Protein backbone atom coordinates (compact mmCIF):
# COMPACT_ATOMS: atom_id res chain seq x y z
CA MET A 1 11.19 7.62 -37.87
CA ALA A 2 10.37 10.38 -35.40
CA SER A 3 8.06 10.85 -32.43
CA VAL A 4 5.98 13.96 -33.26
CA LEU A 5 3.62 16.21 -31.27
CA VAL A 6 1.16 18.34 -33.29
CA CYS A 7 -0.55 21.27 -31.53
CA ASP A 8 -3.15 23.44 -33.32
CA ASP A 9 -6.45 24.87 -32.13
CA GLU A 10 -7.97 23.77 -35.47
CA ARG A 11 -8.79 20.09 -35.03
CA SER A 12 -8.86 19.53 -38.79
CA ILE A 13 -5.23 20.66 -39.09
CA CYS A 14 -4.23 18.23 -36.33
CA GLU A 15 -6.03 15.32 -37.99
CA THR A 16 -4.64 16.10 -41.45
CA LEU A 17 -1.05 16.31 -40.25
CA GLN A 18 -1.47 13.20 -38.10
CA ILE A 19 -2.68 11.11 -41.06
CA ALA A 20 0.04 12.40 -43.41
CA LEU A 21 2.90 11.90 -40.95
CA ARG A 22 1.73 8.46 -39.83
CA LEU A 23 1.71 7.37 -43.48
CA ASP A 24 5.39 8.29 -43.53
CA GLY A 25 5.95 6.01 -40.52
CA HIS A 26 6.18 8.61 -37.75
CA THR A 27 4.56 8.25 -34.31
CA VAL A 28 2.16 11.18 -33.89
CA GLU A 29 0.23 12.66 -30.96
CA THR A 30 -2.09 15.68 -31.27
CA THR A 31 -3.61 18.32 -29.03
CA THR A 32 -5.67 21.46 -29.63
CA SER A 33 -4.36 23.53 -26.71
CA GLY A 34 -1.01 24.98 -25.73
CA GLU A 35 -1.56 24.02 -22.09
CA THR A 36 -1.88 20.33 -22.97
CA ALA A 37 1.12 20.55 -25.30
CA ILE A 38 3.29 21.86 -22.46
CA LYS A 39 2.12 19.05 -20.15
CA LYS A 40 2.93 16.45 -22.83
CA ILE A 41 6.39 17.94 -23.41
CA ASP A 42 7.01 17.66 -19.66
CA THR A 43 6.35 13.92 -19.70
CA THR A 44 7.53 12.77 -23.15
CA ALA A 45 10.68 13.40 -25.19
CA TYR A 46 9.48 14.26 -28.72
CA GLU A 47 11.92 14.53 -31.57
CA VAL A 48 9.67 17.07 -33.35
CA VAL A 49 7.03 19.47 -31.99
CA ILE A 50 4.75 21.17 -34.56
CA THR A 51 2.69 24.02 -33.14
CA ASP A 52 0.49 26.83 -34.41
CA ILE A 53 1.71 30.27 -33.33
CA ARG A 54 -1.64 31.97 -32.62
CA MET A 55 -3.73 29.98 -30.15
CA PRO A 56 -5.96 31.07 -27.26
CA ARG A 57 -4.36 31.42 -23.78
CA ILE A 58 -0.99 29.74 -24.54
CA SER A 59 0.63 30.73 -27.86
CA GLY A 60 2.95 28.65 -30.01
CA LEU A 61 5.87 30.87 -29.04
CA GLU A 62 5.29 29.99 -25.38
CA VAL A 63 5.20 26.29 -26.33
CA LEU A 64 8.47 26.83 -28.22
CA ARG A 65 10.18 28.52 -25.27
CA HIS A 66 8.99 25.82 -22.87
CA SER A 67 10.20 23.07 -25.21
CA ARG A 68 13.62 24.71 -25.61
CA GLN A 69 13.96 24.90 -21.83
CA THR A 70 12.58 21.47 -21.00
CA SER A 71 13.70 19.37 -23.98
CA PRO A 72 16.37 21.30 -25.91
CA GLU A 73 17.01 18.40 -28.28
CA SER A 74 13.44 18.57 -29.68
CA ALA A 75 13.04 20.37 -33.03
CA VAL A 76 10.11 22.84 -32.90
CA VAL A 77 8.35 23.74 -36.17
CA LEU A 78 6.00 26.75 -36.00
CA ILE A 79 3.05 27.11 -38.41
CA THR A 80 0.78 30.12 -38.89
CA GLY A 81 -2.14 31.22 -41.02
CA ASN A 82 -0.89 34.81 -41.26
CA GLU A 83 2.10 36.32 -43.01
CA ASP A 84 3.60 37.81 -39.85
CA TYR A 85 7.24 38.86 -40.32
CA GLU A 86 7.64 39.92 -36.68
CA ALA A 87 6.40 36.53 -35.43
CA ALA A 88 8.83 34.77 -37.76
CA VAL A 89 11.75 36.82 -36.39
CA GLN A 90 10.72 36.04 -32.80
CA ALA A 91 10.43 32.34 -33.66
CA VAL A 92 13.94 32.19 -35.11
CA LYS A 93 15.38 34.07 -32.14
CA ALA A 94 13.62 31.70 -29.74
CA GLY A 95 15.25 28.70 -31.47
CA ALA A 96 12.55 27.43 -33.85
CA PHE A 97 13.72 24.72 -36.24
CA ASP A 98 11.45 25.95 -39.04
CA TYR A 99 8.66 28.45 -39.74
CA ILE A 100 5.89 27.43 -42.17
CA GLN A 101 2.89 29.42 -43.41
CA LYS A 102 -0.40 27.58 -43.77
CA GLY A 103 -1.56 27.13 -47.32
CA PRO A 104 -1.88 24.59 -50.15
CA GLY A 105 1.70 23.34 -49.68
CA LEU A 106 1.51 22.94 -45.88
CA LEU A 107 1.57 19.12 -45.85
CA GLU A 108 4.61 18.79 -48.07
CA GLU A 109 6.54 21.51 -46.23
CA VAL A 110 5.77 19.94 -42.86
CA LYS A 111 6.84 16.47 -44.11
CA VAL A 112 10.12 17.92 -45.42
CA ALA A 113 10.74 19.74 -42.12
CA VAL A 114 10.07 16.59 -40.07
CA GLY A 115 12.36 14.61 -42.38
CA ARG A 116 15.19 17.09 -41.91
CA ALA A 117 14.65 17.15 -38.13
CA THR A 118 14.73 13.34 -38.04
CA GLU A 119 17.98 13.25 -39.99
CA ILE A 120 19.57 15.83 -37.69
CA SER A 121 18.39 13.87 -34.64
CA LYS A 122 20.00 10.75 -36.10
CA LEU A 123 23.25 12.61 -36.74
CA ARG A 124 23.14 13.95 -33.18
CA ARG A 125 22.85 10.41 -31.80
CA GLN A 126 25.75 9.27 -33.97
CA ASN A 127 27.81 12.25 -32.88
CA PHE A 128 27.05 11.46 -29.25
CA ALA A 129 28.23 7.89 -29.76
CA LEU A 130 31.37 9.05 -31.57
CA LYS A 131 32.27 11.47 -28.81
CA ARG A 132 31.56 8.88 -26.14
CA ASP A 133 33.84 6.34 -27.80
CA ALA A 134 36.23 8.55 -29.80
CA ALA A 135 39.23 7.10 -27.98
CA SER A 136 38.81 3.71 -29.64
CA ARG A 137 36.95 3.06 -32.86
CA ASN A 138 37.63 -0.61 -33.37
CA SER A 139 37.15 -3.42 -35.83
CA LEU A 140 38.20 -7.06 -35.96
CA ASP A 141 41.71 -5.84 -36.82
CA ASN A 142 41.98 -4.69 -33.21
CA ILE A 143 41.30 -8.18 -31.86
CA ILE A 144 44.94 -9.24 -31.92
CA GLY A 145 45.94 -12.88 -31.89
CA VAL A 146 46.71 -15.82 -34.16
CA SER A 147 46.22 -18.66 -31.70
CA PRO A 148 43.58 -21.28 -32.55
CA LEU A 149 41.32 -19.96 -29.78
CA MET A 150 41.40 -16.40 -31.17
CA GLU A 151 40.91 -17.50 -34.76
CA LYS A 152 37.87 -19.48 -33.66
CA LEU A 153 36.55 -16.44 -31.79
CA LYS A 154 36.92 -14.23 -34.88
CA GLN A 155 35.12 -16.79 -37.02
CA THR A 156 32.27 -16.87 -34.51
CA ILE A 157 32.03 -13.05 -34.53
CA ARG A 158 31.76 -12.99 -38.33
CA LYS A 159 29.08 -15.68 -38.19
CA ILE A 160 26.83 -14.03 -35.57
CA ALA A 161 27.35 -10.38 -36.55
CA PRO A 162 24.66 -10.28 -39.30
CA THR A 163 21.97 -11.47 -36.87
CA THR A 164 19.98 -9.30 -34.45
CA SER A 165 20.19 -11.79 -31.57
CA THR A 166 21.36 -10.67 -28.15
CA VAL A 167 24.85 -11.82 -27.19
CA LEU A 168 26.30 -12.57 -23.75
CA ILE A 169 30.09 -12.30 -23.64
CA HIS A 170 31.82 -14.03 -20.73
CA GLY A 171 35.46 -13.71 -19.82
CA GLU A 172 37.86 -12.69 -17.09
CA SER A 173 38.62 -9.02 -16.44
CA GLY A 174 41.04 -7.60 -18.96
CA THR A 175 40.44 -10.14 -21.73
CA GLY A 176 38.94 -7.59 -24.14
CA LYS A 177 35.19 -8.18 -23.95
CA GLU A 178 34.40 -4.66 -25.19
CA LEU A 179 36.67 -5.18 -28.21
CA VAL A 180 34.67 -8.30 -29.05
CA ALA A 181 31.39 -6.38 -28.72
CA ARG A 182 32.71 -3.65 -31.01
CA GLY A 183 33.85 -6.29 -33.48
CA ILE A 184 30.32 -7.73 -33.62
CA HIS A 185 28.93 -4.23 -34.21
CA VAL A 186 31.46 -3.32 -36.92
CA CYS A 187 30.78 -6.57 -38.83
CA SER A 188 26.99 -6.14 -38.58
CA PRO A 189 24.53 -4.28 -40.83
CA ARG A 190 24.26 -1.75 -37.97
CA SER A 191 27.90 -0.65 -38.32
CA ALA A 192 26.94 2.82 -39.64
CA GLU A 193 24.74 3.42 -36.57
CA PRO A 194 25.86 4.24 -33.00
CA PHE A 195 27.74 1.84 -30.73
CA VAL A 196 26.92 2.95 -27.19
CA CYS A 197 28.39 1.32 -24.10
CA VAL A 198 27.58 1.63 -20.41
CA ASN A 199 29.28 0.02 -17.42
CA CYS A 200 26.42 -1.32 -15.28
CA GLY A 201 28.66 -1.49 -12.22
CA ALA A 202 29.62 2.19 -12.38
CA PHE A 203 26.19 3.61 -11.45
CA PRO A 204 23.84 3.27 -8.47
CA GLU A 205 20.48 1.77 -9.43
CA ALA A 206 18.59 5.09 -9.74
CA LEU A 207 21.29 6.71 -11.87
CA LEU A 208 21.65 3.63 -14.09
CA GLU A 209 17.90 3.68 -14.84
CA SER A 210 17.93 7.34 -15.85
CA GLU A 211 21.16 6.83 -17.83
CA MET A 212 19.69 3.94 -19.83
CA PHE A 213 16.07 5.03 -20.22
CA GLY A 214 16.35 8.82 -19.91
CA TYR A 215 14.12 11.06 -17.80
CA VAL A 216 11.61 13.87 -18.10
CA LYS A 217 11.84 17.29 -16.50
CA GLY A 218 10.93 17.21 -12.82
CA ALA A 219 11.29 13.41 -12.50
CA PHE A 220 13.64 13.91 -9.56
CA THR A 221 15.61 16.65 -7.85
CA GLY A 222 18.00 18.17 -10.36
CA ALA A 223 16.08 16.98 -13.44
CA ASN A 224 15.78 20.47 -14.91
CA GLU A 225 15.24 19.30 -18.47
CA THR A 226 14.15 16.21 -20.37
CA LYS A 227 17.05 13.95 -21.33
CA ARG A 228 17.13 10.98 -23.70
CA GLY A 229 18.60 7.72 -22.46
CA LEU A 230 21.26 5.49 -23.99
CA PHE A 231 18.62 3.17 -25.49
CA GLU A 232 17.39 6.10 -27.59
CA PHE A 233 20.90 7.23 -28.50
CA ALA A 234 21.69 3.68 -29.63
CA HIS A 235 18.51 3.50 -31.77
CA GLY A 236 19.31 1.57 -34.94
CA GLY A 237 22.69 0.53 -33.53
CA THR A 238 24.15 -1.50 -30.68
CA LEU A 239 23.98 -1.04 -26.90
CA PHE A 240 26.79 -2.72 -24.96
CA LEU A 241 25.98 -3.47 -21.31
CA ASP A 242 29.32 -4.15 -19.65
CA GLU A 243 29.45 -5.93 -16.27
CA ILE A 244 25.75 -6.74 -16.41
CA GLY A 245 26.25 -9.07 -13.45
CA GLU A 246 26.54 -5.99 -11.20
CA MET A 247 22.99 -4.86 -12.05
CA THR A 248 20.46 -5.03 -9.19
CA LEU A 249 17.47 -7.38 -9.38
CA THR A 250 15.04 -4.44 -9.61
CA MET A 251 16.94 -3.00 -12.55
CA GLN A 252 17.08 -6.43 -14.17
CA VAL A 253 13.26 -6.50 -14.25
CA LYS A 254 13.14 -3.14 -16.04
CA LEU A 255 15.80 -4.20 -18.53
CA LEU A 256 13.98 -7.46 -19.24
CA ARG A 257 10.79 -5.58 -20.10
CA ALA A 258 12.68 -3.20 -22.40
CA LEU A 259 14.23 -6.15 -24.23
CA GLN A 260 10.94 -8.01 -24.58
CA GLU A 261 8.75 -5.07 -25.58
CA ARG A 262 11.37 -3.08 -27.53
CA LYS A 263 10.05 -0.02 -25.71
CA VAL A 264 11.48 2.18 -22.96
CA ARG A 265 9.75 4.57 -20.59
CA PRO A 266 11.81 7.53 -19.33
CA VAL A 267 11.95 8.02 -15.57
CA GLY A 268 8.93 10.13 -14.62
CA GLY A 269 7.41 9.76 -18.09
CA SER A 270 3.97 8.48 -19.03
CA THR A 271 4.65 7.48 -22.64
CA GLU A 272 6.72 4.56 -23.93
CA ILE A 273 9.22 5.07 -26.75
CA ASP A 274 9.89 2.46 -29.45
CA VAL A 275 13.56 1.52 -29.77
CA ASP A 276 15.41 -0.64 -32.28
CA VAL A 277 18.58 -1.70 -30.49
CA ARG A 278 20.76 -4.78 -30.54
CA VAL A 279 21.91 -5.54 -27.01
CA ILE A 280 25.27 -7.14 -26.25
CA ALA A 281 26.01 -7.86 -22.58
CA ALA A 282 29.23 -8.90 -20.85
CA THR A 283 30.28 -10.16 -17.44
CA ASN A 284 33.41 -11.52 -15.78
CA ARG A 285 31.32 -13.57 -13.36
CA ASP A 286 29.86 -17.02 -13.97
CA PRO A 287 26.29 -16.25 -15.17
CA GLU A 288 24.95 -19.72 -14.43
CA LYS A 289 26.33 -19.57 -10.90
CA MET A 290 24.70 -16.15 -10.43
CA VAL A 291 21.37 -17.62 -11.53
CA ALA A 292 21.82 -20.53 -9.08
CA ASP A 293 22.66 -18.05 -6.30
CA HIS A 294 19.51 -16.00 -7.16
CA SER A 295 21.62 -12.88 -7.74
CA PHE A 296 20.63 -12.82 -11.42
CA ARG A 297 17.18 -13.42 -12.86
CA GLU A 298 16.87 -16.67 -14.78
CA ASP A 299 14.45 -15.18 -17.36
CA LEU A 300 16.83 -12.30 -18.10
CA TYR A 301 19.75 -14.70 -18.39
CA TYR A 302 17.97 -16.72 -21.06
CA ARG A 303 16.89 -13.51 -22.79
CA ILE A 304 20.40 -12.07 -23.14
CA SER A 305 22.31 -15.32 -23.70
CA VAL A 306 20.70 -16.25 -27.02
CA ILE A 307 24.29 -16.41 -28.30
CA PRO A 308 26.85 -17.04 -25.53
CA LEU A 309 30.45 -16.12 -26.33
CA GLU A 310 33.58 -16.97 -24.33
CA VAL A 311 36.71 -14.77 -24.49
CA PRO A 312 39.75 -16.88 -23.55
CA ALA A 313 42.15 -15.80 -20.82
CA LEU A 314 45.63 -14.75 -21.94
CA ARG A 315 47.28 -17.71 -20.19
CA LEU A 316 45.29 -20.04 -22.47
CA ARG A 317 46.73 -18.44 -25.62
CA ARG A 318 50.40 -17.94 -24.87
CA ASP A 319 51.25 -17.90 -28.59
CA ASP A 320 49.62 -14.45 -28.72
CA ILE A 321 51.73 -12.92 -25.92
CA PRO A 322 54.74 -11.97 -28.11
CA ILE A 323 52.43 -10.46 -30.76
CA LEU A 324 50.52 -8.44 -28.17
CA ALA A 325 53.69 -7.35 -26.36
CA ASN A 326 55.27 -6.05 -29.58
CA TYR A 327 52.01 -4.34 -30.57
CA PHE A 328 51.83 -2.49 -27.25
CA LEU A 329 55.55 -1.68 -27.41
CA GLU A 330 55.22 -0.12 -30.87
CA ARG A 331 52.18 1.91 -29.91
CA LEU A 332 53.51 3.11 -26.56
CA THR A 333 56.97 4.14 -27.78
CA VAL A 334 55.35 6.27 -30.47
CA ALA A 335 52.93 7.76 -27.93
CA VAL A 336 55.69 8.92 -25.57
CA GLY A 337 58.07 9.95 -28.36
CA LYS A 338 60.84 7.50 -27.44
CA ASP A 339 63.22 5.77 -29.83
CA ARG A 340 62.15 2.40 -31.19
CA LYS A 341 62.86 -0.41 -28.71
CA LYS A 342 62.76 -4.17 -28.76
CA ILE A 343 62.02 -6.77 -26.14
CA SER A 344 65.02 -8.90 -25.23
CA PRO A 345 64.67 -12.70 -25.56
CA VAL A 346 64.97 -13.15 -21.79
CA ALA A 347 62.28 -10.53 -21.17
CA MET A 348 59.99 -12.08 -23.77
CA GLN A 349 60.35 -15.51 -22.19
CA THR A 350 59.47 -13.96 -18.84
CA LEU A 351 56.30 -12.52 -20.36
CA VAL A 352 55.35 -15.83 -22.00
CA ASP A 353 55.90 -17.84 -18.82
CA TYR A 354 53.83 -15.57 -16.56
CA GLU A 355 50.24 -16.51 -15.67
CA TRP A 356 48.73 -13.01 -16.28
CA PRO A 357 45.81 -12.95 -13.82
CA GLY A 358 44.97 -9.46 -15.17
CA ASN A 359 45.10 -10.73 -18.77
CA VAL A 360 45.72 -8.40 -21.73
CA ARG A 361 45.17 -5.26 -19.67
CA GLN A 362 47.90 -6.30 -17.23
CA LEU A 363 50.27 -7.11 -20.11
CA GLU A 364 49.69 -3.66 -21.62
CA ASN A 365 50.35 -1.98 -18.26
CA THR A 366 53.56 -3.99 -17.81
CA ILE A 367 54.88 -2.94 -21.23
CA GLU A 368 53.91 0.68 -20.56
CA ARG A 369 55.80 0.64 -17.25
CA ALA A 370 58.85 -0.95 -18.90
CA VAL A 371 58.84 1.65 -21.70
CA ALA A 372 58.68 4.46 -19.16
CA MET A 373 61.49 3.05 -17.00
CA SER A 374 63.88 1.65 -19.64
CA SER A 375 66.59 3.79 -21.21
CA ALA A 376 68.33 1.01 -23.13
CA GLU A 377 67.58 -0.12 -26.67
CA ASP A 378 66.43 -3.51 -25.41
CA LEU A 379 63.35 -3.50 -23.22
CA VAL A 380 64.55 -5.67 -20.33
CA ILE A 381 62.24 -6.99 -17.65
CA GLU A 382 64.67 -6.73 -14.75
CA TRP A 383 65.04 -9.52 -12.18
CA MET A 384 63.25 -7.47 -9.54
CA GLU A 385 60.39 -6.89 -11.99
CA ARG A 386 60.24 -10.61 -12.61
CA ARG A 387 60.06 -11.24 -8.85
CA ARG A 388 57.21 -8.74 -8.62
CA MET A 389 55.34 -10.56 -11.38
CA GLU A 390 55.77 -13.93 -9.72
CA ALA A 391 52.79 -14.09 -7.37
CA PRO A 392 53.09 -16.19 -4.20
CA ALA A 393 52.12 -19.79 -4.80
CA ASN A 394 49.43 -19.73 -2.12
CA SER A 395 47.75 -16.69 -3.72
CA PHE A 396 46.60 -18.80 -6.63
CA PRO A 397 43.51 -20.98 -6.32
CA GLU A 398 44.23 -24.68 -6.19
CA GLY A 399 44.99 -26.01 -9.67
CA ALA A 400 45.52 -22.54 -11.19
CA TYR A 401 48.89 -23.48 -12.69
CA LEU A 402 47.56 -26.60 -14.35
CA ASN A 403 44.46 -24.75 -15.60
CA GLY A 404 46.81 -22.42 -17.43
CA PHE A 405 47.70 -25.17 -19.93
CA SER A 406 45.70 -26.46 -22.84
CA VAL A 407 46.63 -29.24 -25.23
CA PRO A 408 47.61 -27.73 -28.61
CA PRO A 409 46.22 -29.25 -31.83
CA GLN A 410 49.59 -30.85 -32.65
CA GLY A 411 49.77 -32.55 -29.24
CA MET A 412 52.30 -32.14 -26.42
CA ASN A 413 54.77 -33.93 -24.15
CA MET A 414 52.77 -34.17 -20.92
CA GLU A 415 55.70 -35.43 -18.82
CA LYS A 416 57.82 -32.41 -19.79
CA ALA A 417 54.89 -30.01 -19.21
CA VAL A 418 54.29 -31.36 -15.70
CA ALA A 419 58.04 -31.14 -14.97
CA ASP A 420 58.05 -27.50 -16.10
CA VAL A 421 55.18 -26.68 -13.75
CA GLU A 422 56.95 -28.48 -10.92
CA ARG A 423 60.15 -26.51 -11.54
CA LYS A 424 58.29 -23.17 -11.64
CA LEU A 425 56.58 -23.90 -8.33
CA ILE A 426 59.89 -24.73 -6.66
CA GLU A 427 61.54 -21.59 -8.06
CA SER A 428 58.65 -19.46 -6.87
CA ALA A 429 58.78 -20.97 -3.38
CA LEU A 430 62.55 -20.38 -3.18
CA GLN A 431 62.13 -16.77 -4.26
CA GLN A 432 59.50 -16.18 -1.58
CA SER A 433 61.59 -17.77 1.11
CA ALA A 434 64.77 -15.91 0.04
CA GLY A 435 66.43 -19.27 -0.65
CA ARG A 436 65.56 -20.90 2.69
CA GLN A 437 64.64 -24.43 1.67
CA THR A 438 62.87 -25.36 4.90
CA ARG A 439 60.50 -22.40 4.47
CA ALA A 440 60.07 -23.18 0.76
CA ALA A 441 59.05 -26.75 1.64
CA GLU A 442 56.46 -25.38 4.11
CA LEU A 443 55.02 -23.10 1.40
CA LEU A 444 54.56 -26.11 -0.87
CA GLN A 445 53.10 -28.12 2.05
CA MET A 446 55.61 -30.96 1.65
CA SER A 447 58.40 -32.54 3.71
CA TYR A 448 61.88 -31.05 3.61
CA ARG A 449 63.28 -34.39 2.39
CA SER A 450 60.87 -34.50 -0.57
CA PHE A 451 61.64 -30.89 -1.37
CA ARG A 452 65.40 -31.56 -1.37
CA HIS A 453 64.85 -34.45 -3.77
CA LEU A 454 62.98 -32.18 -6.23
CA VAL A 455 65.65 -29.46 -5.93
CA LYS A 456 68.32 -31.98 -6.95
CA LYS A 457 66.10 -33.40 -9.68
CA HIS A 458 65.71 -29.97 -11.29
CA ARG A 459 69.32 -28.93 -10.50
CA LEU A 460 68.25 -25.93 -8.44
CA SER A 461 70.63 -26.44 -5.51
CA ARG A 462 72.60 -23.31 -6.37
């Protein structure tokens, strides 16, 4: 449904069109003067403007020209009581959407014109969303992984997708939170409508407000025309607010009101616009900790976390690493036009053993770098590359290695798992210290005698 402005110096025409269009579900405002119409266009983004051509002082053609300059996305329909060919030509040249002569069929013609304008506006929003996200149109097929954690995540997506509830996705950077949001959208009844995303941490507060809610001409320096915000472009679809934890408290208040009222007010505008948008938010920070630290509003947190969703870190689903690595390898070799390659067993084990603090994004970058640098058939992660990947032990938070393990459904040998972690720590310390065992013992904050005992235990003396 469209927001419509009707301007005609005959009040009866205004009232008749208002009643007819409201019955079709449109939001309609009326005015009997061109001056008032221009003021309204300056403060409100209408999808359709219907104006009489011949009016005292300010004509419909002047309203048309002002609308085209101020709000070029608005469709302007001109109506007239006279059969004036010259006026029709001027209207078309000035960018009128349609030209209708008053008469017995006026109502039906206006309703058809508004319907066409609404459909074009909808297509424009969808086109905007497609262009904005043309690089990656995704579905659940793009959420790659067969581990129990990923299968559970996919099941949850299918379960919550048909609802309209807001979703808060939490996960470390690089885990694929946007892919999850897209998956929810694709599996929902809104899949044919736009999926619009915005990174809340990429804009200063003032720019983020105008980006999300839009603005009217003259709202601030440089606002030379009225512009619709992302809430309007996402109308009927899904709005993905990435890194919502970076949003300022002032902006959080404005977002909360938009979510509660389902209305947005453009910056500098005086009229609120109804929006039908499903909001999905994401953050890599602990939302409950942010609430406790008073850096995130508690009421907004409860409003957006109707359905909380956790995206697991890559180190918690090591079974998926070979699948992801081969997927990236296939895609990247095709992209750069290189011959098909494979990952050697040694290289694959290196990838599986690594902790991946940058998660899937870091894995993709590693494969891309290896494809670019390797000239052999086997994609080998060289020893120096392995050393680069092995982060210093003291750069990890305490317990990070142990947190990287989870008990699989079939169970596990805990003694062997602990021994493996112990061995990796000793190897890492020896690599950092260039083989000097006294320095390696210092890095692990243990005595040299105890360190020597562990070296012999794991047969690492060479």
